[in-house]
Amino acid sequence: MRSISVSKDISRARLWLRGSILVLSVFLAFSMIYVVGLEPMVYLHDTFHDIRHSTGFPCH
């Protein structure tokens, strides 16, 4: 009987983890759409341009 309750706890934990990952992914996706949609493109370009140079990625 003990193994049945342990497996139910594990399955609930996995379900909770998957739900948390889904909620976090949706939040991140909507946040990125919000930032890209409302931020002027000049600021986004400058930000990513600086990030590219700071990581050593050539962009010119």
PDB file of N, CA and C in Angstrom:
ATOM      1  N   MET A   1       0.809  -1.192   0.000  1.00  0.00           N
ATOM      2  CA  MET A   1       0.000   0.000   0.000  1.00  0.00           C
ATOM      3  C   MET A   1       0.860   1.267   0.000  1.00  0.00           C
ATOM      4  N   ARG A   2       1.986   1.211   0.588  1.00  0.00           N
ATOM      5  CA  ARG A   2       2.839   2.395   0.658  1.00  0.00           C
ATOM      6  C   ARG A   2       3.310   2.825  -0.729  1.00  0.00           C
ATOM      7  N   SER A   3       3.613   1.875  -1.583  1.00  0.00           N
ATOM      8  CA  SER A   3       4.126   2.224  -2.908  1.00  0.00           C
ATOM      9  C   SER A   3       3.073   2.929  -3.756  1.00  0.00           C
ATOM     10  N   ILE A   4       1.814   2.642  -3.555  1.00  0.00           N
ATOM     11  CA  ILE A   4       0.768   3.316  -4.322  1.00  0.00           C
ATOM     12  C   ILE A   4       0.701   4.792  -3.960  1.00  0.00           C
ATOM     13  N   SER A   5       0.746   5.120  -2.683  1.00  0.00           N
ATOM     14  CA  SER A   5       0.681   6.528  -2.287  1.00  0.00           C
ATOM     15  C   SER A   5       1.931   7.282  -2.711  1.00  0.00           C
ATOM     16  N   VAL A   6       3.072   6.642  -2.706  1.00  0.00           N
ATOM     17  CA  VAL A   6       4.300   7.299  -3.143  1.00  0.00           C
ATOM     18  C   VAL A   6       4.222   7.600  -4.631  1.00  0.00           C
ATOM     19  N   SER A   7       3.727   6.662  -5.424  1.00  0.00           N
ATOM     20  CA  SER A   7       3.631   6.903  -6.859  1.00  0.00           C
ATOM     21  C   SER A   7       2.623   7.998  -7.170  1.00  0.00           C
ATOM     22  N   LYS A   8       1.545   8.104  -6.366  1.00  0.00           N
ATOM     23  CA  LYS A   8       0.589   9.192  -6.568  1.00  0.00           C
ATOM     24  C   LYS A   8       1.229  10.534  -6.256  1.00  0.00           C
ATOM     25  N   ASP A   9       2.052  10.569  -5.201  1.00  0.00           N
ATOM     26  CA  ASP A   9       2.742  11.811  -4.853  1.00  0.00           C
ATOM     27  C   ASP A   9       3.704  12.219  -5.956  1.00  0.00           C
ATOM     28  N   ILE A  10       4.411  11.251  -6.527  1.00  0.00           N
ATOM     29  CA  ILE A  10       5.358  11.548  -7.605  1.00  0.00           C
ATOM     30  C   ILE A  10       4.614  12.050  -8.826  1.00  0.00           C
ATOM     31  N   SER A  11       3.498  11.421  -9.161  1.00  0.00           N
ATOM     32  CA  SER A  11       2.744  11.847 -10.330  1.00  0.00           C
ATOM     33  C   SER A  11       2.149  13.236 -10.114  1.00  0.00           C
ATOM     34  N   ARG A  12       1.723  13.550  -8.894  1.00  0.00           N
ATOM     35  CA  ARG A  12       1.232  14.903  -8.606  1.00  0.00           C
ATOM     36  C   ARG A  12       2.356  15.923  -8.714  1.00  0.00           C
ATOM     37  N   ALA A  13       3.529  15.562  -8.254  1.00  0.00           N
ATOM     38  CA  ALA A  13       4.673  16.476  -8.334  1.00  0.00           C
ATOM     39  C   ALA A  13       5.039  16.735  -9.791  1.00  0.00           C
ATOM     40  N   ARG A  14       5.015  15.704 -10.608  1.00  0.00           N
ATOM     41  CA  ARG A  14       5.324  15.887 -12.032  1.00  0.00           C
ATOM     42  C   ARG A  14       4.265  16.752 -12.700  1.00  0.00           C
ATOM     43  N   LEU A  15       3.009  16.533 -12.371  1.00  0.00           N
ATOM     44  CA  LEU A  15       1.938  17.341 -12.935  1.00  0.00           C
ATOM     45  C   LEU A  15       2.095  18.796 -12.521  1.00  0.00           C
ATOM     46  N   TRP A  16       2.424  19.036 -11.251  1.00  0.00           N
ATOM     47  CA  TRP A  16       2.635  20.396 -10.773  1.00  0.00           C
ATOM     48  C   TRP A  16       3.825  21.043 -11.474  1.00  0.00           C
ATOM     49  N   LEU A  17       4.899  20.277 -11.680  1.00  0.00           N
ATOM     50  CA  LEU A  17       6.083  20.804 -12.357  1.00  0.00           C
ATOM     51  C   LEU A  17       5.765  21.161 -13.802  1.00  0.00           C
ATOM     52  N   ARG A  18       5.061  20.279 -14.496  1.00  0.00           N
ATOM     53  CA  ARG A  18       4.684  20.575 -15.887  1.00  0.00           C
ATOM     54  C   ARG A  18       3.778  21.797 -15.961  1.00  0.00           C
ATOM     55  N   GLY A  19       2.849  21.920 -15.039  1.00  0.00           N
ATOM     56  CA  GLY A  19       1.973  23.088 -15.014  1.00  0.00           C
ATOM     57  C   GLY A  19       2.753  24.366 -14.749  1.00  0.00           C
ATOM     58  N   SER A  20       3.711  24.288 -13.841  1.00  0.00           N
ATOM     59  CA  SER A  20       4.534  25.461 -13.532  1.00  0.00           C
ATOM     60  C   SER A  20       5.370  25.874 -14.737  1.00  0.00           C
ATOM     61  N   ILE A  21       5.924  24.905 -15.421  1.00  0.00           N
ATOM     62  CA  ILE A  21       6.724  25.205 -16.617  1.00  0.00           C
ATOM     63  C   ILE A  21       5.841  25.827 -17.692  1.00  0.00           C
ATOM     64  N   LEU A  22       4.632  25.313 -17.857  1.00  0.00           N
ATOM     65  CA  LEU A  22       3.710  25.862 -18.848  1.00  0.00           C
ATOM     66  C   LEU A  22       3.349  27.309 -18.514  1.00  0.00           C
ATOM     67  N   VAL A  23       3.021  27.575 -17.266  1.00  0.00           N
ATOM     68  CA  VAL A  23       2.661  28.934 -16.861  1.00  0.00           C
ATOM     69  C   VAL A  23       3.844  29.886 -17.047  1.00  0.00           C
ATOM     70  N   LEU A  24       5.018  29.454 -16.665  1.00  0.00           N
ATOM     71  CA  LEU A  24       6.210  30.286 -16.832  1.00  0.00           C
ATOM     72  C   LEU A  24       6.506  30.551 -18.309  1.00  0.00           C
ATOM     73  N   SER A  25       6.343  29.550 -19.145  1.00  0.00           N
ATOM     74  CA  SER A  25       6.579  29.712 -20.584  1.00  0.00           C
ATOM     75  C   SER A  25       5.594  30.687 -21.204  1.00  0.00           C
ATOM     76  N   VAL A  26       4.332  30.568 -20.833  1.00  0.00           N
ATOM     77  CA  VAL A  26       3.320  31.493 -21.359  1.00  0.00           C
ATOM     78  C   VAL A  26       3.607  32.914 -20.893  1.00  0.00           C
ATOM     79  N   PHE A  27       3.965  33.072 -19.624  1.00  0.00           N
ATOM     80  CA  PHE A  27       4.299  34.393 -19.102  1.00  0.00           C
ATOM     81  C   PHE A  27       5.494  34.988 -19.842  1.00  0.00           C
ATOM     82  N   LEU A  28       6.522  34.186 -20.068  1.00  0.00           N
ATOM     83  CA  LEU A  28       7.709  34.665 -20.786  1.00  0.00           C
ATOM     84  C   LEU A  28       7.360  35.043 -22.218  1.00  0.00           C
ATOM     85  N   ALA A  29       6.550  34.240 -22.879  1.00  0.00           N
ATOM     86  CA  ALA A  29       6.163  34.530 -24.262  1.00  0.00           C
ATOM     87  C   ALA A  29       5.390  35.843 -24.350  1.00  0.00           C
ATOM     88  N   PHE A  30       4.404  36.028 -23.473  1.00  0.00           N
ATOM     89  CA  PHE A  30       3.635  37.270 -23.504  1.00  0.00           C
ATOM     90  C   PHE A  30       4.492  38.471 -23.109  1.00  0.00           C
ATOM     91  N   SER A  31       5.437  38.277 -22.212  1.00  0.00           N
ATOM     92  CA  SER A  31       6.339  39.371 -21.839  1.00  0.00           C
ATOM     93  C   SER A  31       7.204  39.790 -23.016  1.00  0.00           C
ATOM     94  N   MET A  32       7.704  38.821 -23.745  1.00  0.00           N
ATOM     95  CA  MET A  32       8.540  39.143 -24.907  1.00  0.00           C
ATOM     96  C   MET A  32       7.718  39.844 -25.983  1.00  0.00           C
ATOM     97  N   ILE A  33       6.496  39.384 -26.222  1.00  0.00           N
ATOM     98  CA  ILE A  33       5.634  40.043 -27.202  1.00  0.00           C
ATOM     99  C   ILE A  33       5.338  41.471 -26.762  1.00  0.00           C
ATOM    100  N   TYR A  34       5.093  41.669 -25.482  1.00  0.00           N
ATOM    101  CA  TYR A  34       4.822  43.001 -24.945  1.00  0.00           C
ATOM    102  C   TYR A  34       6.030  43.920 -25.148  1.00  0.00           C
ATOM    103  N   VAL A  35       7.213  43.426 -24.805  1.00  0.00           N
ATOM    104  CA  VAL A  35       8.421  44.245 -24.931  1.00  0.00           C
ATOM    105  C   VAL A  35       8.692  44.586 -26.390  1.00  0.00           C
ATOM    106  N   VAL A  36       8.616  43.597 -27.259  1.00  0.00           N
ATOM    107  CA  VAL A  36       8.906  43.832 -28.672  1.00  0.00           C
ATOM    108  C   VAL A  36       7.831  44.714 -29.299  1.00  0.00           C
ATOM    109  N   GLY A  37       6.584  44.543 -28.876  1.00  0.00           N
ATOM    110  CA  GLY A  37       5.507  45.326 -29.469  1.00  0.00           C
ATOM    111  C   GLY A  37       5.473  46.769 -29.030  1.00  0.00           C
ATOM    112  N   LEU A  38       5.895  47.068 -27.829  1.00  0.00           N
ATOM    113  CA  LEU A  38       5.761  48.429 -27.311  1.00  0.00           C
ATOM    114  C   LEU A  38       7.067  49.215 -27.225  1.00  0.00           C
ATOM    115  N   GLU A  39       8.167  48.546 -27.277  1.00  0.00           N
ATOM    116  CA  GLU A  39       9.452  49.237 -27.190  1.00  0.00           C
ATOM    117  C   GLU A  39       9.834  49.756 -28.580  1.00  0.00           C
ATOM    118  N   PRO A  40      10.275  51.007 -28.668  1.00  0.00           N
ATOM    119  CA  PRO A  40      10.723  51.502 -29.971  1.00  0.00           C
ATOM    120  C   PRO A  40      11.879  50.643 -30.505  1.00  0.00           C
ATOM    121  N   MET A  41      11.860  50.380 -31.778  1.00  0.00           N
ATOM    122  CA  MET A  41      12.832  49.469 -32.383  1.00  0.00           C
ATOM    123  C   MET A  41      14.272  49.956 -32.247  1.00  0.00           C
ATOM    124  N   VAL A  42      14.485  51.255 -32.183  1.00  0.00           N
ATOM    125  CA  VAL A  42      15.844  51.770 -32.037  1.00  0.00           C
ATOM    126  C   VAL A  42      16.458  51.280 -30.730  1.00  0.00           C
ATOM    127  N   TYR A  43      15.672  51.298 -29.655  1.00  0.00           N
ATOM    128  CA  TYR A  43      16.187  50.860 -28.356  1.00  0.00           C
ATOM    129  C   TYR A  43      16.471  49.360 -28.354  1.00  0.00           C
ATOM    130  N   LEU A  44      15.581  48.583 -28.984  1.00  0.00           N
ATOM    131  CA  LEU A  44      15.818  47.143 -29.058  1.00  0.00           C
ATOM    132  C   LEU A  44      17.073  46.844 -29.862  1.00  0.00           C
ATOM    133  N   HIS A  45      17.246  47.527 -30.980  1.00  0.00           N
ATOM    134  CA  HIS A  45      18.423  47.296 -31.807  1.00  0.00           C
ATOM    135  C   HIS A  45      19.686  47.644 -31.041  1.00  0.00           C
ATOM    136  N   ASP A  46      19.680  48.779 -30.386  1.00  0.00           N
ATOM    137  CA  ASP A  46      20.867  49.188 -29.633  1.00  0.00           C
ATOM    138  C   ASP A  46      21.182  48.210 -28.502  1.00  0.00           C
ATOM    139  N   THR A  47      20.162  47.734 -27.826  1.00  0.00           N
ATOM    140  CA  THR A  47      20.368  46.789 -26.735  1.00  0.00           C
ATOM    141  C   THR A  47      20.979  45.492 -27.246  1.00  0.00           C
ATOM    142  N   PHE A  48      20.387  44.915 -28.294  1.00  0.00           N
ATOM    143  CA  PHE A  48      20.908  43.654 -28.822  1.00  0.00           C
ATOM    144  C   PHE A  48      22.259  43.844 -29.490  1.00  0.00           C
ATOM    145  N   HIS A  49      22.481  45.017 -30.055  1.00  0.00           N
ATOM    146  CA  HIS A  49      23.782  45.320 -30.660  1.00  0.00           C
ATOM    147  C   HIS A  49      24.869  45.298 -29.584  1.00  0.00           C
ATOM    148  N   ASP A  50      24.600  45.925 -28.455  1.00  0.00           N
ATOM    149  CA  ASP A  50      25.567  45.935 -27.358  1.00  0.00           C
ATOM    150  C   ASP A  50      25.773  44.535 -26.785  1.00  0.00           C
ATOM    151  N   ILE A  51      24.699  43.761 -26.686  1.00  0.00           N
ATOM    152  CA  ILE A  51      24.826  42.386 -26.184  1.00  0.00           C
ATOM    153  C   ILE A  51      25.690  41.555 -27.117  1.00  0.00           C
ATOM    154  N   ARG A  52      25.490  41.722 -28.415  1.00  0.00           N
ATOM    155  CA  ARG A  52      26.323  40.980 -29.381  1.00  0.00           C
ATOM    156  C   ARG A  52      27.796  41.316 -29.202  1.00  0.00           C
ATOM    157  N   HIS A  53      28.094  42.594 -29.085  1.00  0.00           N
ATOM    158  CA  HIS A  53      29.498  42.981 -28.934  1.00  0.00           C
ATOM    159  C   HIS A  53      30.079  42.518 -27.605  1.00  0.00           C
ATOM    160  N   SER A  54      29.297  42.548 -26.541  1.00  0.00           N
ATOM    161  CA  SER A  54      29.825  42.142 -25.244  1.00  0.00           C
ATOM    162  C   SER A  54      30.080  40.636 -25.174  1.00  0.00           C
ATOM    163  N   THR A  55      29.359  39.856 -25.974  1.00  0.00           N
ATOM    164  CA  THR A  55      29.604  38.395 -26.001  1.00  0.00           C
ATOM    165  C   THR A  55      30.632  38.011 -27.054  1.00  0.00           C
ATOM    166  N   GLY A  56      31.116  38.985 -27.807  1.00  0.00           N
ATOM    167  CA  GLY A  56      32.146  38.679 -28.793  1.00  0.00           C
ATOM    168  C   GLY A  56      31.593  38.216 -30.127  1.00  0.00           C
ATOM    169  N   PHE A  57      30.291  38.357 -30.343  1.00  0.00           N
ATOM    170  CA  PHE A  57      29.687  37.938 -31.600  1.00  0.00           C
ATOM    171  C   PHE A  57      29.790  39.080 -32.604  1.00  0.00           C
ATOM    172  N   PRO A  58      30.435  38.863 -33.739  1.00  0.00           N
ATOM    173  CA  PRO A  58      30.561  39.946 -34.722  1.00  0.00           C
ATOM    174  C   PRO A  58      29.221  40.203 -35.422  1.00  0.00           C
ATOM    175  N   CYS A  59      28.883  41.443 -35.583  1.00  0.00           N
ATOM    176  CA  CYS A  59      27.613  41.768 -36.251  1.00  0.00           C
ATOM    177  C   CYS A  59      27.784  42.743 -37.409  1.00  0.00           C
ATOM    178  N   HIS A  60      29.028  43.105 -37.729  1.00  0.00           N
ATOM    179  CA  HIS A  60      29.255  44.010 -38.860  1.00  0.00           C
ATOM    180  C   HIS A  60      30.101  43.296 -39.884  1.00  0.00           C
TER     181      HIS A  60
END
